[in-house]
Amino acid sequence: MKSEDSRRSGWIVVGATFLTLGMVYGVWYSYSVFFVAFLREFQWNRSVIAGGYSALVLIHGIFSPISGWLAGRVGPRRVILTGGCVFGLGLLLTAQIREWWHLYAAFGLVAGVGLSLVGWVPSVVLVRGWFPGRVGTAVGVASAGIGVGIAGLVPLAQFMIDRIGWRWAFRILAVLILGWVLPATMFLVRDPASLEATDSQMGMRGARARLDKEAYWTLAAAVRDLHYWGLAGVFFTGNVVTQMLLVHQVAYLVDHGVSALAAAVVGGMVGLASIAGKMGWGTLSDRVGRELTYTLASLCTLASVGALVLAGRHPTSWLPFLYAVLIGVGYAVTAPVTPAAASDLFGGPGFSTIFGTLHTVLTAGGAFGAWLAGQLFDRTGSYTVALWVAVGHGAVAPILMWIVAPRHPHPPPAQSRP
């Protein structure tokens, strides 16, 4: 009975995390429609506007090790609760911007800090703690909420921009975030029982004595291991291509004759396609391995680049929607498989901090990809070179995953201690 109650509580937490991730990352990916709105109102260069997104991603990544460490120390629930408040504040401040540096300070810095606390790393720590033996599946289900958020919030953001303007759109999104995250985290989310047991049942001395009996991965040991850097390479290169496409897709389609609202619908379809991808890739990776699963998803991402090019040549055809399905399914692998691969290789008490640093690398790749595409467009007047860069990175990522080989985890060095 106790085990059944624990499973029920765990799935309630997964359900709440599903919706929280959907809300915050739905706003994240809505930047593609705000991108076009900023172009029209401020006439800034695309690299400047993309830089605002890159600032958010970089700050989110830089603070990820801190949010991972805090989640391991005080529990992910408190971290997520605090992050929801800061993220909502960042969106309210973004609604007031007048200069480019306002965008970087409000959306990049404040919202970025909030996102790191309410978003991916503490959520992975939370869900992994409840389902340590089914990481890929549980994280895949929770992360499917991101797809729901994209599907709902990207078209909603464009609708609000058209009807009431982008400033009020940001304000309403802030209210939605605060209206869900605060009560949901307070009343539905509980920290994993393993964290509670460490503090209340065993006591810190007892826990430390048990852990000292055998070596386990620490951050210091992980960064001296080539597998860590190989996995970091997977995270970086894979996210360069996906974030480059997801940030610039609406602008690319609008440039080639697709209406802003239709392009936003395409963006929403990316989210719908990613729902099946996140749950499917997570379950598949638990059964056939991380390497094969990641490779299949990468092929979908590479195919999406070709579909986007063809969509630009035939904007009134079904090709924009084929692109949406391919990139949605392909990019979705990042959510369940990257934390599962990290857990395979570097599981143990130090996982939250190690994964936080790897997530920093992942977000650096996303920030670089989004900014680089804008910079290349400003210099060349098209996205052609950027798309070739995306293809190159998309091909390298699965190769690195096979080299890292999470299907063959290796033990930490004997001297590795807390």
Protein backbone atom coordinates (compact mmCIF):
# COMPACT_ATOMS: atom_id res chain seq x y z
CA MET A 1 0.00 0.00 0.00
CA LYS A 2 2.82 2.36 0.86
CA SER A 3 4.52 1.58 -2.45
CA GLU A 4 1.28 2.21 -4.32
CA ASP A 5 0.80 5.53 -2.54
CA SER A 6 4.37 6.48 -3.39
CA ARG A 7 3.84 5.72 -7.08
CA ARG A 8 0.63 7.74 -7.07
CA SER A 9 2.41 10.69 -5.46
CA GLY A 10 5.22 10.35 -7.97
CA TRP A 11 2.85 10.54 -10.93
CA ILE A 12 1.10 13.55 -9.42
CA VAL A 13 4.49 15.25 -9.29
CA VAL A 14 5.16 14.23 -12.91
CA GLY A 15 1.77 15.66 -13.92
CA ALA A 16 2.45 18.97 -12.18
CA THR A 17 5.91 19.12 -13.72
CA PHE A 18 4.36 18.37 -17.14
CA LEU A 19 2.25 21.53 -16.89
CA THR A 20 4.95 23.69 -15.31
CA LEU A 21 7.46 22.84 -18.04
CA GLY A 22 4.75 23.44 -20.63
CA MET A 23 4.09 26.92 -19.30
CA VAL A 24 7.67 28.15 -18.90
CA TYR A 25 9.13 26.59 -22.04
CA GLY A 26 6.03 27.51 -24.03
CA VAL A 27 6.98 31.11 -23.26
CA TRP A 28 10.62 30.33 -24.15
CA TYR A 29 9.69 29.08 -27.62
CA SER A 30 7.15 31.86 -28.14
CA TYR A 31 10.17 34.11 -28.63
CA SER A 32 10.08 33.19 -32.32
CA VAL A 33 6.86 35.22 -32.77
CA PHE A 34 8.04 38.06 -30.52
CA PHE A 35 11.17 38.07 -32.72
CA VAL A 36 9.07 39.24 -35.68
CA ALA A 37 7.22 41.78 -33.51
CA PHE A 38 10.54 43.29 -32.34
CA LEU A 39 11.75 43.46 -35.95
CA ARG A 40 8.68 45.45 -36.95
CA GLU A 41 8.64 47.88 -34.01
CA PHE A 42 12.31 48.53 -33.26
CA GLN A 43 14.02 47.75 -36.60
CA TRP A 44 16.94 46.17 -34.73
CA ASN A 45 19.36 43.82 -36.50
CA ARG A 46 18.41 40.16 -36.31
CA SER A 47 21.61 39.35 -34.45
CA VAL A 48 20.63 41.91 -31.78
CA ILE A 49 17.16 40.42 -31.36
CA ALA A 50 18.50 36.87 -31.42
CA GLY A 51 21.04 38.02 -28.83
CA GLY A 52 18.21 38.73 -26.39
CA TYR A 53 17.17 35.10 -26.66
CA SER A 54 20.79 33.97 -26.46
CA ALA A 55 21.22 36.00 -23.28
CA LEU A 56 18.23 34.19 -21.74
CA VAL A 57 19.66 30.83 -22.75
CA LEU A 58 23.17 31.65 -21.51
CA ILE A 59 22.02 32.97 -18.13
CA HIS A 60 19.74 29.96 -17.83
CA GLY A 61 22.74 27.74 -18.51
CA ILE A 62 25.22 29.58 -16.29
CA PHE A 63 22.86 29.30 -13.33
CA SER A 64 21.99 25.65 -14.04
CA PRO A 65 24.80 24.23 -11.85
CA ILE A 66 23.62 26.50 -9.06
CA SER A 67 20.01 25.41 -9.45
CA GLY A 68 21.14 21.77 -9.54
CA TRP A 69 23.21 22.25 -6.38
CA LEU A 70 20.33 24.03 -4.65
CA ALA A 71 17.90 21.30 -5.69
CA GLY A 72 20.18 18.73 -4.09
CA ARG A 73 20.59 20.80 -0.92
CA VAL A 74 17.18 22.31 -0.16
CA GLY A 75 15.01 20.21 -2.48
CA PRO A 76 13.73 21.00 -5.99
CA ARG A 77 10.32 22.13 -4.73
CA ARG A 78 11.63 25.29 -3.07
CA VAL A 79 13.87 26.04 -6.04
CA ILE A 80 10.97 25.76 -8.51
CA LEU A 81 8.72 27.92 -6.35
CA THR A 82 11.32 30.71 -6.20
CA GLY A 83 12.07 30.42 -9.90
CA GLY A 84 8.41 30.84 -10.87
CA CYS A 85 8.29 34.21 -9.08
CA VAL A 86 11.53 35.47 -10.66
CA PHE A 87 10.54 34.27 -14.14
CA GLY A 88 7.16 36.02 -13.91
CA LEU A 89 8.90 39.23 -12.83
CA GLY A 90 11.24 38.99 -15.81
CA LEU A 91 8.31 38.77 -18.22
CA LEU A 92 6.60 41.78 -16.63
CA LEU A 93 9.81 43.78 -17.00
CA THR A 94 10.17 42.66 -20.63
CA ALA A 95 6.80 44.24 -21.38
CA GLN A 96 8.35 47.63 -20.54
CA ILE A 97 11.45 47.56 -22.78
CA ARG A 98 12.38 50.51 -25.01
CA GLU A 99 16.04 49.84 -25.85
CA TRP A 100 17.91 46.69 -26.87
CA TRP A 101 19.76 46.54 -23.57
CA HIS A 102 16.44 46.58 -21.74
CA LEU A 103 15.62 43.34 -23.57
CA TYR A 104 18.92 41.80 -22.48
CA ALA A 105 18.47 42.89 -18.86
CA ALA A 106 14.78 41.98 -18.43
CA PHE A 107 14.33 38.94 -20.64
CA GLY A 108 17.94 37.76 -20.75
CA LEU A 109 19.04 38.30 -17.16
CA VAL A 110 15.99 38.35 -14.87
CA ALA A 111 13.84 35.88 -16.79
CA GLY A 112 16.94 33.75 -17.45
CA VAL A 113 17.69 33.41 -13.73
CA GLY A 114 14.06 32.56 -13.05
CA LEU A 115 14.00 30.00 -15.84
CA SER A 116 17.08 28.24 -14.47
CA LEU A 117 15.32 27.85 -11.11
CA VAL A 118 11.86 26.89 -12.33
CA GLY A 119 12.91 24.95 -15.40
CA TRP A 120 14.75 21.92 -16.62
CA VAL A 121 17.49 21.05 -14.10
CA PRO A 122 15.43 21.11 -10.87
CA SER A 123 12.59 19.38 -12.74
CA VAL A 124 14.90 16.56 -13.85
CA VAL A 125 16.22 16.23 -10.28
CA LEU A 126 12.63 16.13 -9.02
CA VAL A 127 11.33 13.52 -11.49
CA ARG A 128 14.48 11.40 -11.39
CA GLY A 129 14.21 11.26 -7.61
CA TRP A 130 10.73 9.78 -7.84
CA PHE A 131 11.54 7.31 -10.65
CA PRO A 132 15.27 6.45 -10.43
CA GLY A 133 14.82 3.18 -12.33
CA ARG A 134 12.77 4.65 -15.20
CA VAL A 135 14.47 7.97 -15.86
CA GLY A 136 13.96 8.03 -19.61
CA THR A 137 10.27 7.19 -19.42
CA ALA A 138 9.38 9.49 -16.51
CA VAL A 139 11.38 12.46 -17.81
CA GLY A 140 9.93 11.83 -21.26
CA VAL A 141 6.37 12.04 -19.93
CA ALA A 142 7.09 15.17 -17.89
CA SER A 143 8.93 16.88 -20.73
CA ALA A 144 6.04 16.21 -23.12
CA GLY A 145 4.43 19.16 -21.37
CA ILE A 146 6.91 21.37 -23.25
CA GLY A 147 5.28 20.26 -26.48
CA VAL A 148 1.83 21.08 -25.14
CA GLY A 149 3.11 24.50 -24.06
CA ILE A 150 4.60 25.20 -27.48
CA ALA A 151 1.45 24.05 -29.26
CA GLY A 152 -0.74 26.30 -27.12
CA LEU A 153 1.35 29.33 -26.27
CA VAL A 154 3.11 30.06 -29.58
CA PRO A 155 -0.14 30.59 -31.54
CA LEU A 156 -1.70 32.26 -28.48
CA ALA A 157 1.20 34.70 -28.26
CA GLN A 158 0.82 35.60 -31.95
CA PHE A 159 -2.95 36.02 -31.52
CA MET A 160 -2.40 38.36 -28.56
CA ILE A 161 0.27 40.29 -30.44
CA ASP A 162 -2.15 40.86 -33.33
CA ARG A 163 -5.06 41.85 -31.04
CA ILE A 164 -3.56 43.67 -28.04
CA GLY A 165 0.13 44.11 -28.83
CA TRP A 166 3.27 42.32 -27.71
CA ARG A 167 3.59 44.26 -24.44
CA TRP A 168 0.25 43.06 -23.13
CA ALA A 169 1.03 39.60 -24.45
CA PHE A 170 4.06 39.45 -22.15
CA ARG A 171 2.00 40.69 -19.21
CA ILE A 172 -0.68 38.06 -19.71
CA LEU A 173 1.93 35.32 -20.05
CA ALA A 174 3.47 36.47 -16.76
CA VAL A 175 0.09 36.20 -15.03
CA LEU A 176 -0.44 32.72 -16.47
CA ILE A 177 2.97 31.58 -15.20
CA LEU A 178 2.46 32.93 -11.70
CA GLY A 179 -1.14 31.73 -11.57
CA TRP A 180 -0.09 28.14 -12.19
CA VAL A 181 3.42 27.66 -10.81
CA LEU A 182 2.84 29.09 -7.34
CA PRO A 183 -0.25 27.09 -6.27
CA ALA A 184 0.81 23.95 -8.14
CA THR A 185 4.23 23.85 -6.52
CA MET A 186 2.84 24.61 -3.07
CA PHE A 187 0.03 22.05 -3.09
CA LEU A 188 0.86 19.33 -5.66
CA VAL A 189 4.64 18.94 -5.65
CA ARG A 190 6.61 17.03 -3.01
CA ASP A 191 10.35 16.50 -2.96
CA PRO A 192 11.48 12.92 -3.71
CA ALA A 193 11.22 10.56 -0.78
CA SER A 194 14.94 9.81 -1.11
CA LEU A 195 15.77 13.42 -0.25
CA GLU A 196 13.35 13.40 2.66
CA ALA A 197 14.82 10.13 3.95
CA THR A 198 18.32 11.51 3.87
CA ASP A 199 17.37 14.34 6.18
CA SER A 200 14.64 13.04 8.43
CA GLN A 201 15.14 9.28 8.73
CA MET A 202 18.85 8.66 8.35
CA GLY A 203 20.28 11.98 9.45
CA MET A 204 23.21 13.67 7.71
CA ARG A 205 25.86 11.65 9.56
CA GLY A 206 24.20 8.37 8.69
CA ALA A 207 23.83 9.33 5.06
CA ARG A 208 27.45 10.43 4.80
CA ALA A 209 28.68 7.25 6.44
CA ARG A 210 26.71 5.11 4.00
CA LEU A 211 27.96 7.04 0.97
CA ASP A 212 31.57 6.97 2.10
CA LYS A 213 31.64 3.18 1.91
CA GLU A 214 32.10 3.26 -1.87
CA ALA A 215 33.32 5.69 -4.48
CA TYR A 216 30.83 7.62 -6.56
CA TRP A 217 30.93 10.32 -9.20
CA THR A 218 31.68 13.85 -8.07
CA LEU A 219 31.93 16.90 -10.31
CA ALA A 220 35.71 17.00 -9.84
CA ALA A 221 36.02 13.38 -10.97
CA ALA A 222 33.58 13.82 -13.86
CA VAL A 223 35.39 16.76 -15.46
CA ARG A 224 38.58 14.69 -15.56
CA ASP A 225 36.81 11.98 -17.54
CA LEU A 226 36.68 12.06 -21.35
CA HIS A 227 33.13 10.73 -21.32
CA TYR A 228 32.02 13.93 -19.61
CA TRP A 229 33.46 16.08 -22.39
CA GLY A 230 32.14 13.78 -25.08
CA LEU A 231 28.65 14.04 -23.63
CA ALA A 232 29.11 17.81 -23.36
CA GLY A 233 29.91 17.78 -27.08
CA VAL A 234 26.66 15.93 -27.78
CA PHE A 235 24.74 18.49 -25.75
CA PHE A 236 26.41 21.47 -27.46
CA THR A 237 26.27 20.39 -31.10
CA GLY A 238 22.78 18.95 -30.86
CA ASN A 239 21.38 22.12 -29.36
CA VAL A 240 23.09 24.41 -31.89
CA VAL A 241 20.95 23.03 -34.70
CA THR A 242 17.64 22.73 -32.84
CA GLN A 243 17.66 26.19 -31.24
CA MET A 244 18.86 27.81 -34.47
CA LEU A 245 15.81 26.41 -36.24
CA LEU A 246 13.28 26.97 -33.46
CA VAL A 247 14.21 30.61 -32.90
CA HIS A 248 14.40 31.65 -36.56
CA GLN A 249 11.72 29.41 -38.09
CA VAL A 250 8.92 32.00 -37.97
CA ALA A 251 11.13 34.77 -39.38
CA TYR A 252 12.35 32.41 -42.13
CA LEU A 253 8.81 31.45 -43.14
CA VAL A 254 7.57 35.05 -43.02
CA ASP A 255 10.53 36.11 -45.18
CA HIS A 256 9.40 33.55 -47.77
CA GLY A 257 5.76 34.59 -47.94
CA VAL A 258 4.04 32.77 -45.09
CA SER A 259 1.79 34.97 -42.95
CA ALA A 260 2.87 35.61 -39.37
CA LEU A 261 -0.15 33.80 -37.93
CA ALA A 262 0.30 30.80 -40.24
CA ALA A 263 4.00 30.66 -39.30
CA ALA A 264 2.99 30.73 -35.63
CA VAL A 265 0.64 27.82 -36.27
CA VAL A 266 3.60 25.94 -37.76
CA GLY A 267 5.49 26.72 -34.56
CA GLY A 268 2.59 25.33 -32.56
CA MET A 269 2.62 22.16 -34.65
CA VAL A 270 6.27 21.72 -33.69
CA GLY A 271 5.07 21.47 -30.11
CA LEU A 272 2.35 18.95 -30.94
CA ALA A 273 4.80 16.74 -32.81
CA SER A 274 7.27 16.93 -29.95
CA ILE A 275 4.74 15.49 -27.47
CA ALA A 276 4.86 12.07 -29.10
CA GLY A 277 8.58 12.46 -29.64
CA LYS A 278 9.41 13.17 -26.01
CA MET A 279 7.38 10.27 -24.64
CA GLY A 280 8.34 7.93 -27.47
CA TRP A 281 12.07 8.63 -27.45
CA GLY A 282 12.23 8.32 -23.65
CA THR A 283 10.55 4.92 -23.61
CA LEU A 284 12.53 3.71 -26.64
CA SER A 285 15.84 4.77 -25.09
CA ASP A 286 15.07 2.74 -21.95
CA ARG A 287 14.54 -0.32 -24.18
CA VAL A 288 17.04 -0.11 -27.06
CA GLY A 289 19.64 2.32 -25.71
CA ARG A 290 20.42 6.03 -25.83
CA GLU A 291 22.72 5.86 -28.87
CA LEU A 292 20.29 4.37 -31.40
CA THR A 293 17.43 6.50 -30.14
CA TYR A 294 19.45 9.71 -30.40
CA THR A 295 20.63 8.80 -33.89
CA LEU A 296 17.10 8.21 -35.19
CA ALA A 297 15.97 11.53 -33.77
CA SER A 298 18.98 13.32 -35.29
CA LEU A 299 18.02 11.99 -38.71
CA CYS A 300 14.60 13.59 -38.26
CA THR A 301 16.24 16.90 -37.36
CA LEU A 302 18.51 16.80 -40.41
CA ALA A 303 15.54 15.99 -42.63
CA SER A 304 13.70 18.99 -41.17
CA VAL A 305 16.39 21.34 -42.51
CA GLY A 306 15.72 20.10 -46.03
CA ALA A 307 11.98 20.40 -45.49
CA LEU A 308 12.39 24.01 -44.31
CA VAL A 309 14.34 24.91 -47.42
CA LEU A 310 11.65 23.38 -49.62
CA ALA A 311 8.96 25.13 -47.57
CA GLY A 312 10.63 28.45 -48.36
CA ARG A 313 10.33 27.68 -52.07
CA HIS A 314 6.71 26.51 -51.78
CA PRO A 315 5.24 28.54 -48.91
CA THR A 316 1.60 27.77 -49.73
CA SER A 317 2.11 24.00 -49.83
CA TRP A 318 2.02 21.39 -47.06
CA LEU A 319 5.82 21.52 -46.71
CA PRO A 320 5.90 23.99 -43.77
CA PHE A 321 3.83 21.47 -41.81
CA LEU A 322 6.13 18.59 -42.80
CA TYR A 323 9.00 20.67 -41.43
CA ALA A 324 7.06 21.19 -38.19
CA VAL A 325 6.53 17.45 -37.71
CA LEU A 326 10.15 16.55 -38.47
CA ILE A 327 11.77 19.18 -36.23
CA GLY A 328 9.20 18.58 -33.49
CA VAL A 329 9.89 14.86 -33.39
CA GLY A 330 13.65 15.30 -33.86
CA TYR A 331 14.37 18.00 -31.30
CA ALA A 332 12.17 16.22 -28.74
CA VAL A 333 14.91 13.68 -28.07
CA THR A 334 16.89 16.27 -26.11
CA ALA A 335 14.42 16.25 -23.22
CA PRO A 336 14.40 12.57 -22.18
CA VAL A 337 17.63 11.18 -23.62
CA THR A 338 20.25 13.73 -22.58
CA PRO A 339 19.46 13.54 -18.83
CA ALA A 340 19.07 9.76 -19.11
CA ALA A 341 22.50 9.44 -20.76
CA ALA A 342 24.01 11.66 -18.08
CA SER A 343 22.35 9.55 -15.41
CA ASP A 344 23.72 6.36 -17.01
CA LEU A 345 27.26 7.71 -16.97
CA PHE A 346 27.33 9.85 -13.85
CA GLY A 347 24.56 8.65 -11.56
CA GLY A 348 24.85 8.97 -7.81
CA PRO A 349 24.62 11.66 -5.14
CA GLY A 350 26.56 14.13 -7.29
CA PHE A 351 24.25 13.83 -10.28
CA SER A 352 22.35 17.09 -9.76
CA THR A 353 25.51 19.19 -9.82
CA ILE A 354 27.12 17.24 -12.68
CA PHE A 355 23.98 17.44 -14.79
CA GLY A 356 23.70 21.15 -14.02
CA THR A 357 27.14 21.79 -15.54
CA LEU A 358 26.32 19.66 -18.59
CA HIS A 359 23.11 21.62 -19.01
CA THR A 360 25.21 24.80 -19.07
CA VAL A 361 27.03 23.42 -22.11
CA LEU A 362 23.72 22.47 -23.72
CA THR A 363 22.33 25.98 -23.29
CA ALA A 364 25.59 27.48 -24.57
CA GLY A 365 25.05 25.54 -27.77
CA GLY A 366 21.51 26.85 -28.06
CA ALA A 367 22.60 30.43 -27.41
CA PHE A 368 25.40 30.15 -29.96
CA GLY A 369 23.14 28.66 -32.62
CA ALA A 370 20.41 31.29 -32.21
CA TRP A 371 22.87 34.20 -32.26
CA LEU A 372 24.97 32.80 -35.10
CA ALA A 373 21.99 32.42 -37.43
CA GLY A 374 21.07 36.08 -36.84
CA GLN A 375 24.65 37.20 -37.36
CA LEU A 376 25.01 35.22 -40.59
CA PHE A 377 21.73 36.63 -41.88
CA ASP A 378 22.87 40.20 -41.15
CA ARG A 379 26.11 39.57 -43.06
CA THR A 380 24.78 37.60 -46.03
CA GLY A 381 21.12 38.62 -46.30
CA SER A 382 19.86 35.03 -46.07
CA TYR A 383 19.80 31.96 -43.83
CA THR A 384 21.61 29.70 -46.35
CA VAL A 385 24.96 29.56 -44.56
CA ALA A 386 23.27 29.17 -41.18
CA LEU A 387 21.34 26.14 -42.42
CA TRP A 388 24.55 24.48 -43.62
CA VAL A 389 26.06 25.10 -40.19
CA ALA A 390 22.98 23.45 -38.69
CA VAL A 391 23.45 20.38 -40.89
CA GLY A 392 27.09 20.04 -39.82
CA HIS A 393 26.31 20.19 -36.12
CA GLY A 394 23.34 17.86 -36.54
CA ALA A 395 25.61 15.24 -38.10
CA VAL A 396 28.32 15.46 -35.44
CA ALA A 397 26.03 15.07 -32.40
CA PRO A 398 24.96 11.41 -32.91
CA ILE A 399 28.52 10.39 -33.76
CA LEU A 400 29.66 11.75 -30.41
CA MET A 401 26.83 9.92 -28.66
CA TRP A 402 28.08 6.58 -30.01
CA ILE A 403 31.63 7.43 -28.88
CA VAL A 404 30.43 8.30 -25.37
CA ALA A 405 28.45 5.01 -25.27
CA PRO A 406 26.17 5.44 -22.23
CA ARG A 407 25.12 1.79 -22.74
CA HIS A 408 28.51 0.88 -21.22
CA PRO A 409 28.77 2.99 -18.04
CA HIS A 410 32.08 2.82 -16.23
CA PRO A 411 32.74 3.16 -12.50
CA PRO A 412 34.12 6.35 -10.97
CA PRO A 413 37.74 6.46 -9.83
CA ALA A 414 38.32 4.81 -6.45
CA GLN A 415 39.48 8.08 -4.90
CA SER A 416 36.26 9.89 -5.83
CA ARG A 417 34.64 11.04 -2.60
CA PRO A 418 32.12 13.76 -1.60
